[in-house]
Amino acid sequence: QIDLQTAGEFALKTALDELYGLGFDNYLSYPGDIGKVSREEIIQAANKYFTLEACVVSITVPEKR
């Protein structure tokens, strides 16, 4: 909802939602749709996508001078 506070962001959001086939007024139902997701569904999705087989570890250090 914070993203929709400027005219530009609102126009972008509604235009993209329309292009994606969600309808320009999708922002109205979005909060309710998010509220329908259960704790169990979130855990199931996390376990599916956040695995040790699919992780990447990146270590950065300052350049030596």
PDB file of N, CA and C in Angstrom:
ATOM      1  N   GLN A   1       0.812  -1.184   0.000  1.00  0.00           N
ATOM      2  CA  GLN A   1       0.000   0.000   0.000  1.00  0.00           C
ATOM      3  C   GLN A   1       0.859   1.252   0.000  1.00  0.00           C
ATOM      4  N   ILE A   2       2.029   1.175   0.612  1.00  0.00           N
ATOM      5  CA  ILE A   2       2.927   2.327   0.602  1.00  0.00           C
ATOM      6  C   ILE A   2       3.375   2.625  -0.824  1.00  0.00           C
ATOM      7  N   ASP A   3       3.614   1.587  -1.611  1.00  0.00           N
ATOM      8  CA  ASP A   3       4.034   1.779  -3.001  1.00  0.00           C
ATOM      9  C   ASP A   3       2.986   2.521  -3.823  1.00  0.00           C
ATOM     10  N   LEU A   4       1.747   2.459  -3.436  1.00  0.00           N
ATOM     11  CA  LEU A   4       0.673   3.071  -4.214  1.00  0.00           C
ATOM     12  C   LEU A   4       0.416   4.530  -3.844  1.00  0.00           C
ATOM     13  N   GLN A   5       1.261   5.116  -3.011  1.00  0.00           N
ATOM     14  CA  GLN A   5       1.011   6.474  -2.533  1.00  0.00           C
ATOM     15  C   GLN A   5       1.346   7.557  -3.554  1.00  0.00           C
ATOM     16  N   THR A   6       2.166   7.235  -4.545  1.00  0.00           N
ATOM     17  CA  THR A   6       2.460   8.240  -5.573  1.00  0.00           C
ATOM     18  C   THR A   6       1.695   7.883  -6.848  1.00  0.00           C
ATOM     19  N   ALA A   7       1.380   8.909  -7.621  1.00  0.00           N
ATOM     20  CA  ALA A   7       0.620   8.687  -8.855  1.00  0.00           C
ATOM     21  C   ALA A   7       1.384   7.789  -9.813  1.00  0.00           C
ATOM     22  N   GLY A   8       2.693   7.965  -9.889  1.00  0.00           N
ATOM     23  CA  GLY A   8       3.503   7.152 -10.791  1.00  0.00           C
ATOM     24  C   GLY A   8       3.507   5.685 -10.420  1.00  0.00           C
ATOM     25  N   GLU A   9       3.683   5.392  -9.152  1.00  0.00           N
ATOM     26  CA  GLU A   9       3.685   4.001  -8.687  1.00  0.00           C
ATOM     27  C   GLU A   9       2.309   3.366  -8.843  1.00  0.00           C
ATOM     28  N   PHE A  10       1.283   4.142  -8.567  1.00  0.00           N
ATOM     29  CA  PHE A  10      -0.083   3.643  -8.729  1.00  0.00           C
ATOM     30  C   PHE A  10      -0.359   3.312 -10.191  1.00  0.00           C
ATOM     31  N   ALA A  11       0.054   4.195 -11.099  1.00  0.00           N
ATOM     32  CA  ALA A  11      -0.148   3.964 -12.528  1.00  0.00           C
ATOM     33  C   ALA A  11       0.608   2.729 -12.987  1.00  0.00           C
ATOM     34  N   LEU A  12       1.848   2.576 -12.533  1.00  0.00           N
ATOM     35  CA  LEU A  12       2.648   1.409 -12.915  1.00  0.00           C
ATOM     36  C   LEU A  12       2.006   0.119 -12.414  1.00  0.00           C
ATOM     37  N   LYS A  13       1.616   0.107 -11.148  1.00  0.00           N
ATOM     38  CA  LYS A  13       1.012  -1.090 -10.548  1.00  0.00           C
ATOM     39  C   LYS A  13      -0.268  -1.485 -11.270  1.00  0.00           C
ATOM     40  N   THR A  14      -1.156  -0.539 -11.500  1.00  0.00           N
ATOM     41  CA  THR A  14      -2.429  -0.869 -12.140  1.00  0.00           C
ATOM     42  C   THR A  14      -2.224  -1.276 -13.596  1.00  0.00           C
ATOM     43  N   ALA A  15      -1.274  -0.643 -14.288  1.00  0.00           N
ATOM     44  CA  ALA A  15      -1.004  -1.000 -15.685  1.00  0.00           C
ATOM     45  C   ALA A  15      -0.420  -2.405 -15.787  1.00  0.00           C
ATOM     46  N   LEU A  16       0.541  -2.721 -14.922  1.00  0.00           N
ATOM     47  CA  LEU A  16       1.138  -4.054 -14.958  1.00  0.00           C
ATOM     48  C   LEU A  16       0.129  -5.137 -14.584  1.00  0.00           C
ATOM     49  N   ASP A  17      -0.678  -4.879 -13.568  1.00  0.00           N
ATOM     50  CA  ASP A  17      -1.692  -5.856 -13.183  1.00  0.00           C
ATOM     51  C   ASP A  17      -2.665  -6.102 -14.336  1.00  0.00           C
ATOM     52  N   GLU A  18      -3.005  -5.072 -15.060  1.00  0.00           N
ATOM     53  CA  GLU A  18      -3.892  -5.226 -16.216  1.00  0.00           C
ATOM     54  C   GLU A  18      -3.201  -6.056 -17.298  1.00  0.00           C
ATOM     55  N   LEU A  19      -1.928  -5.770 -17.558  1.00  0.00           N
ATOM     56  CA  LEU A  19      -1.174  -6.534 -18.561  1.00  0.00           C
ATOM     57  C   LEU A  19      -1.036  -7.998 -18.171  1.00  0.00           C
ATOM     58  N   TYR A  20      -0.879  -8.267 -16.886  1.00  0.00           N
ATOM     59  CA  TYR A  20      -0.730  -9.637 -16.398  1.00  0.00           C
ATOM     60  C   TYR A  20      -2.057 -10.389 -16.339  1.00  0.00           C
ATOM     61  N   GLY A  21      -3.138  -9.710 -16.672  1.00  0.00           N
ATOM     62  CA  GLY A  21      -4.442 -10.352 -16.656  1.00  0.00           C
ATOM     63  C   GLY A  21      -5.102 -10.397 -15.292  1.00  0.00           C
ATOM     64  N   LEU A  22      -4.577  -9.650 -14.345  1.00  0.00           N
ATOM     65  CA  LEU A  22      -5.141  -9.638 -12.995  1.00  0.00           C
ATOM     66  C   LEU A  22      -6.241  -8.595 -12.836  1.00  0.00           C
ATOM     67  N   GLY A  23      -6.291  -7.656 -13.755  1.00  0.00           N
ATOM     68  CA  GLY A  23      -7.247  -6.555 -13.675  1.00  0.00           C
ATOM     69  C   GLY A  23      -6.605  -5.355 -13.017  1.00  0.00           C
ATOM     70  N   PHE A  24      -6.946  -4.173 -13.510  1.00  0.00           N
ATOM     71  CA  PHE A  24      -6.336  -2.946 -12.981  1.00  0.00           C
ATOM     72  C   PHE A  24      -6.643  -2.723 -11.512  1.00  0.00           C
ATOM     73  N   ASP A  25      -7.748  -3.284 -11.025  1.00  0.00           N
ATOM     74  CA  ASP A  25      -8.149  -3.065  -9.637  1.00  0.00           C
ATOM     75  C   ASP A  25      -7.714  -4.195  -8.699  1.00  0.00           C
ATOM     76  N   ASN A  26      -6.751  -4.970  -9.127  1.00  0.00           N
ATOM     77  CA  ASN A  26      -6.246  -6.073  -8.312  1.00  0.00           C
ATOM     78  C   ASN A  26      -5.720  -5.597  -6.954  1.00  0.00           C
ATOM     79  N   TYR A  27      -5.208  -4.388  -6.898  1.00  0.00           N
ATOM     80  CA  TYR A  27      -4.664  -3.862  -5.640  1.00  0.00           C
ATOM     81  C   TYR A  27      -5.709  -3.827  -4.522  1.00  0.00           C
ATOM     82  N   LEU A  28      -6.981  -3.792  -4.886  1.00  0.00           N
ATOM     83  CA  LEU A  28      -8.042  -3.744  -3.877  1.00  0.00           C
ATOM     84  C   LEU A  28      -8.201  -5.079  -3.143  1.00  0.00           C
ATOM     85  N   SER A  29      -7.990  -6.190  -3.868  1.00  0.00           N
ATOM     86  CA  SER A  29      -8.180  -7.512  -3.248  1.00  0.00           C
ATOM     87  C   SER A  29      -6.879  -8.115  -2.734  1.00  0.00           C
ATOM     88  N   TYR A  30      -5.747  -7.506  -3.063  1.00  0.00           N
ATOM     89  CA  TYR A  30      -4.447  -8.063  -2.690  1.00  0.00           C
ATOM     90  C   TYR A  30      -4.290  -8.300  -1.187  1.00  0.00           C
ATOM     91  N   PRO A  31      -4.595  -7.341  -0.325  1.00  0.00           N
ATOM     92  CA  PRO A  31      -4.425  -7.599   1.113  1.00  0.00           C
ATOM     93  C   PRO A  31      -5.243  -8.802   1.602  1.00  0.00           C
ATOM     94  N   GLY A  32      -6.447  -8.934   1.116  1.00  0.00           N
ATOM     95  CA  GLY A  32      -7.276 -10.077   1.513  1.00  0.00           C
ATOM     96  C   GLY A  32      -6.736 -11.392   0.987  1.00  0.00           C
ATOM     97  N   ASP A  33      -6.193 -11.356  -0.235  1.00  0.00           N
ATOM     98  CA  ASP A  33      -5.605 -12.566  -0.819  1.00  0.00           C
ATOM     99  C   ASP A  33      -4.400 -13.031  -0.009  1.00  0.00           C
ATOM    100  N   ILE A  34      -3.577 -12.093   0.425  1.00  0.00           N
ATOM    101  CA  ILE A  34      -2.412 -12.440   1.241  1.00  0.00           C
ATOM    102  C   ILE A  34      -2.869 -13.046   2.565  1.00  0.00           C
ATOM    103  N   GLY A  35      -3.921 -12.499   3.136  1.00  0.00           N
ATOM    104  CA  GLY A  35      -4.438 -13.002   4.406  1.00  0.00           C
ATOM    105  C   GLY A  35      -4.994 -14.415   4.330  1.00  0.00           C
ATOM    106  N   LYS A  36      -5.294 -14.900   3.130  1.00  0.00           N
ATOM    107  CA  LYS A  36      -5.831 -16.251   2.957  1.00  0.00           C
ATOM    108  C   LYS A  36      -4.754 -17.331   2.983  1.00  0.00           C
ATOM    109  N   VAL A  37      -3.489 -16.922   2.886  1.00  0.00           N
ATOM    110  CA  VAL A  37      -2.397 -17.896   2.876  1.00  0.00           C
ATOM    111  C   VAL A  37      -2.152 -18.354   4.308  1.00  0.00           C
ATOM    112  N   SER A  38      -2.162 -19.669   4.496  1.00  0.00           N
ATOM    113  CA  SER A  38      -1.990 -20.206   5.849  1.00  0.00           C
ATOM    114  C   SER A  38      -0.514 -20.358   6.209  1.00  0.00           C
ATOM    115  N   ARG A  39      -0.272 -20.473   7.478  1.00  0.00           N
ATOM    116  CA  ARG A  39       1.088 -20.698   7.982  1.00  0.00           C
ATOM    117  C   ARG A  39       1.669 -21.971   7.376  1.00  0.00           C
ATOM    118  N   GLU A  40       0.858 -23.001   7.283  1.00  0.00           N
ATOM    119  CA  GLU A  40       1.306 -24.275   6.739  1.00  0.00           C
ATOM    120  C   GLU A  40       1.706 -24.140   5.267  1.00  0.00           C
ATOM    121  N   GLU A  41       0.956 -23.352   4.502  1.00  0.00           N
ATOM    122  CA  GLU A  41       1.285 -23.147   3.094  1.00  0.00           C
ATOM    123  C   GLU A  41       2.605 -22.399   2.933  1.00  0.00           C
ATOM    124  N   ILE A  42       2.855 -21.462   3.820  1.00  0.00           N
ATOM    125  CA  ILE A  42       4.120 -20.721   3.774  1.00  0.00           C
ATOM    126  C   ILE A  42       5.287 -21.649   4.085  1.00  0.00           C
ATOM    127  N   ILE A  43       5.142 -22.471   5.084  1.00  0.00           N
ATOM    128  CA  ILE A  43       6.188 -23.425   5.449  1.00  0.00           C
ATOM    129  C   ILE A  43       6.423 -24.414   4.319  1.00  0.00           C
ATOM    130  N   GLN A  44       5.354 -24.888   3.701  1.00  0.00           N
ATOM    131  CA  GLN A  44       5.470 -25.835   2.587  1.00  0.00           C
ATOM    132  C   GLN A  44       6.235 -25.201   1.420  1.00  0.00           C
ATOM    133  N   ALA A  45       5.921 -23.972   1.084  1.00  0.00           N
ATOM    134  CA  ALA A  45       6.616 -23.286  -0.012  1.00  0.00           C
ATOM    135  C   ALA A  45       8.082 -23.044   0.349  1.00  0.00           C
ATOM    136  N   ALA A  46       8.338 -22.641   1.575  1.00  0.00           N
ATOM    137  CA  ALA A  46       9.719 -22.402   2.009  1.00  0.00           C
ATOM    138  C   ALA A  46      10.533 -23.692   1.930  1.00  0.00           C
ATOM    139  N   ASN A  47       9.966 -24.792   2.383  1.00  0.00           N
ATOM    140  CA  ASN A  47      10.673 -26.069   2.335  1.00  0.00           C
ATOM    141  C   ASN A  47      10.915 -26.538   0.903  1.00  0.00           C
ATOM    142  N   LYS A  48      10.040 -26.168  -0.002  1.00  0.00           N
ATOM    143  CA  LYS A  48      10.191 -26.558  -1.402  1.00  0.00           C
ATOM    144  C   LYS A  48      11.311 -25.772  -2.087  1.00  0.00           C
ATOM    145  N   TYR A  49      11.381 -24.467  -1.833  1.00  0.00           N
ATOM    146  CA  TYR A  49      12.296 -23.614  -2.583  1.00  0.00           C
ATOM    147  C   TYR A  49      13.599 -23.289  -1.854  1.00  0.00           C
ATOM    148  N   PHE A  50      13.598 -23.305  -0.537  1.00  0.00           N
ATOM    149  CA  PHE A  50      14.805 -22.986   0.220  1.00  0.00           C
ATOM    150  C   PHE A  50      15.453 -24.275   0.708  1.00  0.00           C
ATOM    151  N   THR A  51      16.258 -24.877  -0.161  1.00  0.00           N
ATOM    152  CA  THR A  51      16.907 -26.143   0.159  1.00  0.00           C
ATOM    153  C   THR A  51      18.421 -25.980   0.081  1.00  0.00           C
ATOM    154  N   LEU A  52      19.141 -26.871   0.732  1.00  0.00           N
ATOM    155  CA  LEU A  52      20.594 -26.831   0.668  1.00  0.00           C
ATOM    156  C   LEU A  52      21.094 -27.145  -0.740  1.00  0.00           C
ATOM    157  N   GLU A  53      20.324 -27.906  -1.507  1.00  0.00           N
ATOM    158  CA  GLU A  53      20.725 -28.245  -2.866  1.00  0.00           C
ATOM    159  C   GLU A  53      20.604 -27.048  -3.807  1.00  0.00           C
ATOM    160  N   ALA A  54      19.786 -26.072  -3.456  1.00  0.00           N
ATOM    161  CA  ALA A  54      19.547 -24.930  -4.329  1.00  0.00           C
ATOM    162  C   ALA A  54      20.115 -23.627  -3.777  1.00  0.00           C
ATOM    163  N   CYS A  55      20.971 -23.731  -2.766  1.00  0.00           N
ATOM    164  CA  CYS A  55      21.479 -22.501  -2.171  1.00  0.00           C
ATOM    165  C   CYS A  55      22.794 -22.071  -2.814  1.00  0.00           C
ATOM    166  N   VAL A  56      23.092 -20.814  -2.669  1.00  0.00           N
ATOM    167  CA  VAL A  56      24.346 -20.246  -3.144  1.00  0.00           C
ATOM    168  C   VAL A  56      24.946 -19.460  -1.994  1.00  0.00           C
ATOM    169  N   VAL A  57      26.227 -19.659  -1.761  1.00  0.00           N
ATOM    170  CA  VAL A  57      26.926 -18.909  -0.730  1.00  0.00           C
ATOM    171  C   VAL A  57      27.934 -18.009  -1.430  1.00  0.00           C
ATOM    172  N   SER A  58      27.862 -16.748  -1.131  1.00  0.00           N
ATOM    173  CA  SER A  58      28.776 -15.774  -1.741  1.00  0.00           C
ATOM    174  C   SER A  58      29.506 -15.043  -0.624  1.00  0.00           C
ATOM    175  N   ILE A  59      30.824 -15.046  -0.695  1.00  0.00           N
ATOM    176  CA  ILE A  59      31.640 -14.370   0.306  1.00  0.00           C
ATOM    177  C   ILE A  59      32.402 -13.260  -0.401  1.00  0.00           C
ATOM    178  N   THR A  60      32.281 -12.063   0.109  1.00  0.00           N
ATOM    179  CA  THR A  60      33.006 -10.934  -0.468  1.00  0.00           C
ATOM    180  C   THR A  60      33.963 -10.373   0.573  1.00  0.00           C
ATOM    181  N   VAL A  61      35.109  -9.959   0.088  1.00  0.00           N
ATOM    182  CA  VAL A  61      36.120  -9.364   0.954  1.00  0.00           C
ATOM    183  C   VAL A  61      36.632  -8.095   0.273  1.00  0.00           C
ATOM    184  N   PRO A  62      37.144  -7.178   1.058  1.00  0.00           N
ATOM    185  CA  PRO A  62      37.694  -5.966   0.447  1.00  0.00           C
ATOM    186  C   PRO A  62      38.901  -6.300  -0.434  1.00  0.00           C
ATOM    187  N   GLU A  63      39.104  -5.488  -1.437  1.00  0.00           N
ATOM    188  CA  GLU A  63      40.244  -5.661  -2.335  1.00  0.00           C
ATOM    189  C   GLU A  63      41.528  -5.331  -1.562  1.00  0.00           C
ATOM    190  N   LYS A  64      42.528  -6.168  -1.757  1.00  0.00           N
ATOM    191  CA  LYS A  64      43.831  -5.896  -1.100  1.00  0.00           C
ATOM    192  C   LYS A  64      44.506  -4.749  -1.842  1.00  0.00           C
ATOM    193  N   ARG A  65      45.129  -3.874  -1.091  1.00  0.00           N
ATOM    194  CA  ARG A  65      45.826  -2.723  -1.699  1.00  0.00           C
ATOM    195  C   ARG A  65      47.301  -2.840  -1.495  1.00  0.00           C
TER     196      ARG A  65
END
